[in-house]
Protein backbone atom coordinates (compact mmCIF):
# COMPACT_ATOMS: atom_id res chain seq x y z
CA MET A 1 61.45 57.37 -24.86
CA SER A 2 60.23 53.76 -25.24
CA SER A 3 57.68 52.42 -22.79
CA ARG A 4 55.43 49.52 -21.87
CA SER A 5 52.01 49.60 -20.23
CA LEU A 6 49.42 47.13 -19.01
CA VAL A 7 45.77 46.46 -19.79
CA VAL A 8 43.85 44.39 -17.23
CA LEU A 9 40.53 42.77 -18.09
CA PRO A 10 37.74 43.15 -17.24
CA ASP A 11 38.84 46.22 -15.20
CA ASP A 12 39.93 48.33 -18.18
CA ALA A 13 37.32 47.00 -20.63
CA ALA A 14 37.91 47.17 -24.39
CA LYS A 15 38.57 50.92 -24.48
CA PRO A 16 42.42 50.84 -24.72
CA ILE A 17 42.19 48.43 -27.67
CA VAL A 18 39.36 50.28 -29.43
CA ASP A 19 41.16 53.61 -28.93
CA ALA A 20 44.38 52.21 -30.42
CA ILE A 21 42.50 50.94 -33.49
CA ALA A 22 40.73 54.30 -33.84
CA GLY A 23 44.11 56.05 -33.67
CA ALA A 24 45.72 53.96 -36.44
CA LYS A 25 46.85 56.13 -39.35
CA LYS A 26 48.75 53.86 -41.76
CA SER A 27 48.52 50.18 -40.87
CA LEU A 28 46.86 47.66 -38.57
CA ARG A 29 47.91 44.02 -38.20
CA VAL A 30 45.72 41.68 -36.15
CA LYS A 31 46.49 38.04 -35.41
CA MET A 32 43.80 36.32 -33.36
CA PHE A 33 42.68 32.89 -32.19
CA VAL A 34 39.02 33.92 -31.79
CA PHE A 35 37.60 37.22 -33.11
CA SER A 36 33.88 37.80 -32.61
CA ASP A 37 33.33 40.92 -30.48
CA PRO A 38 31.06 43.35 -32.41
CA ALA A 39 32.67 46.56 -31.12
CA LEU A 40 36.17 45.47 -32.09
CA LEU A 41 34.93 44.23 -35.46
CA ASP A 42 33.27 47.59 -36.12
CA ALA A 43 36.50 49.40 -35.12
CA VAL A 44 38.63 47.32 -37.50
CA ILE A 45 36.23 47.86 -40.43
CA ALA A 46 36.08 51.59 -39.64
CA ALA A 47 39.89 51.75 -39.79
CA HIS A 48 39.83 50.12 -43.23
CA LYS A 49 37.17 52.57 -44.46
CA ARG A 50 39.26 55.59 -43.50
CA GLY A 51 42.21 54.31 -45.53
CA VAL A 52 44.29 52.34 -43.02
CA LYS A 53 45.93 49.23 -44.48
CA VAL A 54 44.29 46.48 -42.40
CA GLN A 55 45.46 42.86 -42.37
CA VAL A 56 43.69 40.29 -40.21
CA MET A 57 44.98 36.76 -39.65
CA LEU A 58 42.60 34.28 -38.01
CA ASN A 59 43.01 30.76 -36.74
CA PRO A 60 40.94 28.62 -39.16
CA GLU A 61 39.59 26.13 -36.62
CA ARG A 62 40.10 24.57 -33.19
CA ARG A 63 41.48 21.07 -32.64
CA SER A 64 37.87 19.89 -32.47
CA GLY A 65 37.22 21.28 -35.96
CA GLU A 66 35.00 24.05 -34.59
CA GLU A 67 35.20 27.23 -36.68
CA ASP A 68 34.85 30.22 -34.35
CA ASN A 69 35.79 32.88 -36.88
CA GLU A 70 33.64 32.10 -39.92
CA ALA A 71 31.07 34.86 -39.39
CA THR A 72 33.80 37.44 -38.72
CA ARG A 73 35.76 36.32 -41.78
CA LYS A 74 32.68 36.77 -43.99
CA ARG A 75 31.96 40.24 -42.62
CA LEU A 76 35.59 41.36 -43.05
CA HIS A 77 35.63 40.06 -46.63
CA ALA A 78 32.36 41.85 -47.39
CA ALA A 79 33.86 45.10 -46.08
CA GLY A 80 36.95 44.68 -48.26
CA VAL A 81 39.37 43.95 -45.40
CA GLU A 82 42.31 41.65 -46.19
CA VAL A 83 41.85 38.49 -44.12
CA ARG A 84 43.75 35.19 -44.23
CA ASP A 85 43.96 31.96 -42.31
CA SER A 86 46.97 31.69 -40.03
CA SER A 87 50.07 29.77 -41.08
CA PRO A 88 49.77 26.03 -41.83
CA GLU A 89 53.35 25.68 -40.55
CA VAL A 90 51.89 25.23 -37.05
CA ASP A 91 48.97 23.04 -35.92
CA LEU A 92 47.07 26.00 -34.53
CA THR A 93 47.61 29.74 -34.02
CA HIS A 94 46.79 30.71 -30.44
CA GLU A 95 48.74 34.00 -30.53
CA LYS A 96 46.71 37.13 -29.77
CA SER A 97 48.51 40.24 -31.02
CA MET A 98 47.97 43.58 -32.71
CA VAL A 99 50.44 46.06 -34.24
CA VAL A 100 49.41 49.65 -34.97
CA ASP A 101 51.35 51.74 -37.53
CA ASP A 102 54.42 49.48 -37.12
CA SER A 103 55.13 51.40 -33.92
CA VAL A 104 53.03 49.91 -31.11
CA ALA A 105 52.39 46.22 -30.36
CA PHE A 106 49.78 44.61 -28.10
CA ILE A 107 50.75 41.19 -26.68
CA LYS A 108 47.67 39.61 -25.14
CA SER A 109 46.21 36.66 -23.29
CA LEU A 110 42.69 37.59 -24.37
CA ASN A 111 40.75 36.61 -27.45
CA TRP A 112 38.61 39.25 -29.11
CA GLU A 113 35.47 37.70 -27.66
CA THR A 114 33.02 39.75 -25.61
CA LYS A 115 33.38 37.39 -22.65
CA ASN A 116 37.16 37.96 -22.55
CA LEU A 117 36.51 41.68 -22.28
CA THR A 118 33.80 41.47 -19.62
CA GLU A 119 33.88 38.17 -17.69
CA THR A 120 37.44 36.81 -17.53
CA ARG A 121 40.71 37.77 -15.91
CA ASP A 122 42.96 38.61 -18.85
CA TYR A 123 45.92 40.83 -19.69
CA ALA A 124 47.62 42.74 -22.50
CA VAL A 125 51.03 44.38 -22.52
CA ILE A 126 51.44 47.37 -24.84
CA THR A 127 55.00 48.05 -26.03
CA ASP A 128 56.55 50.61 -28.34
CA HIS A 129 60.10 49.24 -27.93
CA ARG A 130 61.34 49.12 -31.51
CA HIS A 131 63.02 45.70 -31.39
CA GLU A 132 59.92 44.10 -29.81
CA VAL A 133 57.50 45.65 -32.29
CA GLU A 134 59.74 44.68 -35.21
CA GLU A 135 59.84 41.07 -34.02
CA VAL A 136 56.03 40.84 -33.82
CA VAL A 137 55.77 42.38 -37.31
CA ALA A 138 58.39 39.95 -38.67
CA CYS A 139 56.41 36.94 -37.42
CA PHE A 140 53.17 38.37 -38.82
CA GLU A 141 54.75 38.90 -42.23
CA ALA A 142 56.29 35.41 -42.22
CA ASP A 143 52.95 33.78 -41.32
CA TRP A 144 51.01 35.99 -43.76
CA ASN A 145 53.33 35.11 -46.65
CA ARG A 146 53.68 31.43 -45.65
CA LYS A 147 57.38 31.68 -44.84
CA SER A 148 59.36 30.22 -41.95
CA PHE A 149 59.82 32.47 -38.91
CA GLN A 150 63.16 32.18 -37.10
CA PRO A 151 63.91 35.07 -34.72
CA GLY A 152 67.26 33.54 -33.73
CA GLU A 153 68.85 32.80 -30.37
CA LYS A 154 68.70 36.44 -29.27
CA ALA A 155 64.94 36.79 -29.71
CA HIS A 156 63.46 39.46 -27.47
CA MET A 157 59.97 37.93 -27.35
CA ILE A 158 58.84 34.52 -26.12
CA TRP A 159 57.66 32.40 -29.05
CA CYS A 160 56.21 28.94 -29.43
CA PRO A 161 57.17 26.55 -30.84
CA ILE A 162 60.62 28.24 -30.72
CA ASN A 163 61.88 29.30 -27.28
CA GLY A 164 58.76 29.25 -25.08
CA ARG A 165 59.47 26.29 -22.82
CA ASP A 166 63.10 27.29 -22.27
CA ARG A 167 62.34 30.93 -21.47
CA ILE A 168 59.52 30.11 -19.02
CA ALA A 169 61.58 27.36 -17.36
CA ARG A 170 64.49 29.79 -16.85
CA PHE A 171 62.13 32.45 -15.53
CA ILE A 172 60.89 30.00 -12.87
CA ASP A 173 64.46 28.91 -12.07
CA ASP A 174 65.49 32.54 -11.48
CA ALA A 175 62.76 33.15 -8.86
CA LYS A 176 64.29 33.55 -5.41
CA HIS A 177 61.50 34.42 -2.99
CA THR A 178 58.01 34.38 -4.52
CA LEU A 179 56.33 33.05 -7.66
CA PHE A 180 52.71 33.72 -8.60
CA VAL A 181 51.25 31.84 -11.57
CA GLN A 182 47.90 32.19 -13.33
CA ASN A 183 47.19 29.73 -16.13
CA GLU A 184 44.44 27.51 -17.48
CA ARG A 185 46.61 24.40 -17.82
CA TYR A 186 49.39 22.79 -15.82
CA GLN A 187 50.30 19.84 -18.00
CA ASP A 188 53.87 20.22 -19.24
CA SER A 189 56.24 17.93 -17.31
CA VAL A 190 59.26 20.25 -17.66
CA ILE A 191 57.37 23.25 -16.25
CA LEU A 192 55.80 21.15 -13.49
CA GLU A 193 59.27 19.94 -12.50
CA ARG A 194 60.55 23.53 -12.38
CA LEU A 195 57.64 24.64 -10.18
CA VAL A 196 58.28 21.70 -7.81
CA ARG A 197 61.99 22.56 -7.64
CA ALA A 198 61.15 26.20 -6.91
CA ALA A 199 58.97 25.15 -3.97
CA GLU A 200 61.65 22.77 -2.70
CA ARG A 201 64.32 25.50 -2.65
CA GLY A 202 62.07 27.68 -0.51
CA VAL A 203 60.28 29.88 -3.07
CA LYS A 204 56.71 30.65 -2.00
CA VAL A 205 54.73 29.43 -5.01
CA HIS A 206 51.09 30.44 -5.42
CA VAL A 207 49.14 28.92 -8.30
CA MET A 208 45.76 29.93 -9.67
CA ALA A 209 43.98 27.45 -11.93
CA LYS A 210 40.56 26.63 -13.33
CA PRO A 211 38.47 23.97 -11.55
CA PRO A 212 38.87 20.44 -13.01
CA HIS A 213 35.32 20.25 -14.42
CA THR A 214 36.19 23.02 -16.90
CA LEU A 215 38.91 20.90 -18.51
CA LYS A 216 38.12 19.12 -21.75
CA LYS A 217 37.67 15.39 -21.33
CA ASP A 218 40.80 14.46 -23.30
CA LYS A 219 42.88 16.82 -21.12
CA LEU A 220 41.42 15.82 -17.75
CA VAL A 221 44.08 13.28 -16.75
CA GLU A 222 47.02 15.58 -17.62
CA GLY A 223 45.37 18.64 -16.12
CA VAL A 224 44.33 17.12 -12.80
CA GLY A 225 47.53 15.08 -12.57
CA GLY A 226 49.64 18.21 -12.92
CA LEU A 227 47.71 20.08 -10.25
CA ARG A 228 47.89 17.14 -7.83
CA ILE A 229 51.66 16.92 -8.26
CA LEU A 230 51.94 20.59 -7.26
CA ASP A 231 49.48 20.07 -4.40
CA ASP A 232 51.49 17.08 -3.11
CA VAL A 233 54.60 19.23 -2.55
CA GLY A 234 52.65 21.89 -0.66
CA ILE A 235 52.11 24.45 -3.40
CA LYS A 236 48.94 26.44 -2.73
CA ILE A 237 46.42 26.13 -5.56
CA HIS A 238 43.38 28.41 -5.71
CA LYS A 239 40.53 29.19 -8.08
CA LEU A 240 39.03 32.63 -8.67
CA LYS A 241 35.65 33.62 -7.31
CA GLY A 242 33.38 35.75 -9.46
CA LEU A 243 35.68 35.93 -12.47
CA LYS A 244 36.70 33.16 -14.86
CA LEU A 245 40.44 32.66 -15.25
CA HIS A 246 41.75 32.93 -18.81
CA GLY A 247 44.93 34.99 -18.35
CA LYS A 248 48.39 33.48 -18.64
CA MET A 249 50.73 35.32 -16.27
CA LEU A 250 53.82 34.60 -14.16
CA LEU A 251 55.13 37.06 -11.56
CA ALA A 252 58.50 36.50 -9.85
CA ASP A 253 59.78 38.27 -6.72
CA GLY A 254 57.61 41.29 -7.48
CA VAL A 255 60.15 42.48 -10.06
CA ALA A 256 59.56 40.50 -13.27
CA ALA A 257 56.57 39.11 -15.13
CA ILE A 258 55.58 37.16 -18.24
CA VAL A 259 52.26 37.86 -19.99
CA GLY A 260 50.94 36.28 -23.17
CA SER A 261 48.97 33.49 -24.80
CA ILE A 262 50.98 30.45 -23.62
CA ASN A 263 49.25 27.69 -21.67
CA LEU A 264 51.61 25.48 -19.66
CA ALA A 265 50.94 22.45 -21.85
CA PRO A 266 53.05 20.42 -24.34
CA GLY A 267 50.79 21.34 -27.27
CA SER A 268 51.28 25.04 -26.64
CA PHE A 269 55.06 24.76 -26.44
CA ASP A 270 55.63 22.30 -29.28
CA SER A 271 53.08 22.78 -32.05
CA ARG A 272 51.19 26.07 -31.70
CA ARG A 273 52.00 29.65 -32.60
CA GLU A 274 52.10 31.42 -29.23
CA LEU A 275 53.49 34.76 -28.09
CA ALA A 276 54.41 36.21 -24.70
CA ILE A 277 56.56 39.04 -23.38
CA GLU A 278 58.78 39.34 -20.30
CA VAL A 279 58.61 42.70 -18.55
CA ARG A 280 60.47 44.37 -15.69
CA ASP A 281 58.95 47.85 -15.93
CA PRO A 282 58.06 48.93 -12.36
CA GLU A 283 54.64 50.35 -13.26
CA VAL A 284 53.59 47.21 -15.14
CA VAL A 285 54.94 44.78 -12.54
CA ASP A 286 53.54 46.77 -9.61
CA ARG A 287 50.06 46.70 -11.11
CA LEU A 288 50.32 42.97 -11.81
CA HIS A 289 51.40 42.51 -8.18
CA ARG A 290 48.30 44.41 -6.95
CA ILE A 291 46.02 42.37 -9.22
CA ALA A 292 47.66 39.12 -8.07
CA LYS A 293 47.09 40.09 -4.42
CA GLN A 294 43.49 41.09 -5.14
CA ASP A 295 42.78 37.86 -7.05
CA TRP A 296 44.35 35.69 -4.36
CA GLU A 297 42.22 37.37 -1.69
CA ASN A 298 39.17 36.83 -3.91
CA SER A 299 39.74 33.10 -4.34
CA HIS A 300 39.53 29.85 -2.44
CA PRO A 301 41.57 26.62 -2.39
CA LEU A 302 40.94 23.93 -4.97
CA ASP A 303 40.04 20.68 -3.24
CA LEU A 304 42.15 18.08 -5.08
CA SER A 305 41.39 15.17 -2.72
CA ASP A 306 39.53 12.17 -4.14
CA GLU A 307 36.31 13.40 -2.53
CA GLY A 308 36.87 16.95 -3.72
CA LEU A 309 37.49 15.88 -7.32
CA LEU A 310 34.44 13.63 -7.37
CA ALA A 311 32.31 16.45 -5.95
CA ASP A 312 33.55 18.77 -8.70
CA LEU A 313 33.39 16.28 -11.57
CA GLU A 314 30.46 13.94 -10.90
CA ASP A 315 27.39 14.72 -12.99
CA ARG A 316 29.62 16.95 -15.13
CA GLN A 317 32.09 14.54 -16.71
CA GLU A 318 31.08 10.94 -17.20
CA GLY A 319 33.74 8.37 -16.34
CA ALA A 320 35.94 10.92 -14.52
CA ALA A 321 36.63 8.64 -11.54
CA GLU A 322 37.82 5.81 -13.78
CA ALA A 323 39.93 8.13 -15.94
CA LEU A 324 41.68 9.52 -12.85
CA ALA A 325 41.99 6.09 -11.21
CA ILE A 326 40.05 7.26 -8.15
CA ASP A 327 38.81 4.41 -5.97
CA ALA A 328 35.26 5.67 -5.84
CA ASP A 329 33.81 3.30 -3.25
CA GLU A 330 30.48 3.99 -1.56
CA LYS A 331 32.09 5.86 1.34
CA THR A 332 34.09 8.15 -0.98
CA ARG A 333 31.06 8.83 -3.15
CA LYS A 334 28.94 9.73 -0.11
CA LYS A 335 31.59 12.18 1.07
CA ALA A 336 31.81 13.66 -2.42
CA LYS A 337 28.02 14.08 -2.65
CA LYS A 338 27.96 15.70 0.79
CA LYS A 339 30.65 18.16 -0.30
CA ALA A 340 28.84 18.90 -3.55
CA LYS A 341 25.53 19.46 -1.72
CA LYS A 342 27.16 21.75 0.85
CA LYS A 343 28.82 23.73 -1.92
CA ALA A 344 25.54 24.06 -3.86
CA MET A 345 23.68 25.23 -0.73
CA LYS A 346 26.38 27.80 0.03
CA LYS A 347 26.21 29.10 -3.54
CA ALA A 348 22.41 29.30 -3.43
CA ALA A 349 22.50 31.15 -0.10
CA LYS A 350 24.93 33.74 -1.48
CA LYS A 351 22.77 34.18 -4.56
CA ALA A 352 19.68 34.70 -2.37
CA VAL A 353 21.48 37.33 -0.28
CA ARG A 354 22.55 39.19 -3.43
CA GLY A 355 18.96 39.03 -4.70
CA LYS A 356 17.58 40.47 -1.45
CA LYS A 357 20.13 43.31 -1.49
CA ALA A 358 19.24 44.16 -5.07
CA ALA A 359 15.49 44.06 -4.37
CA SER A 360 15.42 45.94 -1.05
CA PRO A 361 14.83 49.73 -1.21
CA LYS A 362 17.63 51.96 -0.03
CA LYS A 363 17.22 53.25 3.48
CA LYS A 364 17.09 56.97 3.85
CA GLY A 365 17.34 56.98 7.62
CA SER A 366 21.00 57.54 8.42
CA ALA A 367 21.52 60.34 5.94
CA ALA A 368 18.29 62.06 6.91
CA LYS A 369 18.98 61.82 10.61
CA ALA A 370 22.41 63.29 10.21
CA LYS A 371 20.99 66.50 8.77
CA LYS A 372 19.97 69.08 11.35
CA PRO A 373 17.09 71.38 10.57
CA LYS A 374 18.10 74.89 9.62
CA LYS A 375 17.36 77.49 12.26
CA ARG A 376 14.95 80.18 11.22
CA LYS A 377 16.25 83.66 11.49
């Protein structure tokens, strides 16, 4: 019987992925935006050495021209593993997927970087549904052989630049009671409009985003503008505490979810190879619901006021006030500095408390007192 399951990072660590690679018998297809984690690299090379047909497709470079995968590419080549750049048909390949023995597919939000396995909130859905696995394989083969990939109107998976915007927009439109969204970017006007409409028809929309200072300078205006639009209509926007947000997940009414690589930005929808999957399996959705609840409780509101943005951005991004058309007069700047100072002091105090707890010896008192001396016979 076909099934789907969920991997949550960093909770589950790399073990489910490493175990799947170790269990490969015939073939292993990996398509990755960034691949640098040593343990996963060792696992892939080990699979090749035991006779598994391994094919690895890597994004050649970021928009900035930065080459994240060069060292990995050299090591794979040296080990005799087949490795190619991703398809030039798209501007960039941001898809993160793996297919084992043509029978099991991993659809992921995480890169194969150590930080995505240990420091960030990320997800992977594992499916052995034949039609889903076959579709992921078909795209891999098309990109590997430099052919066009067209899954058709009845595609099971969510692909960019094919049906991504439409499928996510319809998913939001179908939400009736609650909608929980985790994403790094909120920049696409169509998706922003759908989220606003959902809030206006009474859906309780909760959004988790990264703080503005983490946005790249050329995406600051779109990123902050999108969040402020959502904030203006009363949508609650929070940022995670402790963990960094990298996952891309939507959860509707506690019964359906989308997980994958797609950021809610025009570039992702229109010119990048992206992959996501919609799931309604109770076990998968229930766990996502528990994680969403846990993350929301372990978060705090993003301050998107002029003062809040200046406090977050000043001394981190030069010219941010001008770019966002914030009237940064002396009064506003003083308020922003006060907020920033208060935030820094709070952070330092928490760090000091954690340091004291770690340094202080454990008390033996309570346990010792609870034990009564044995009576001598």
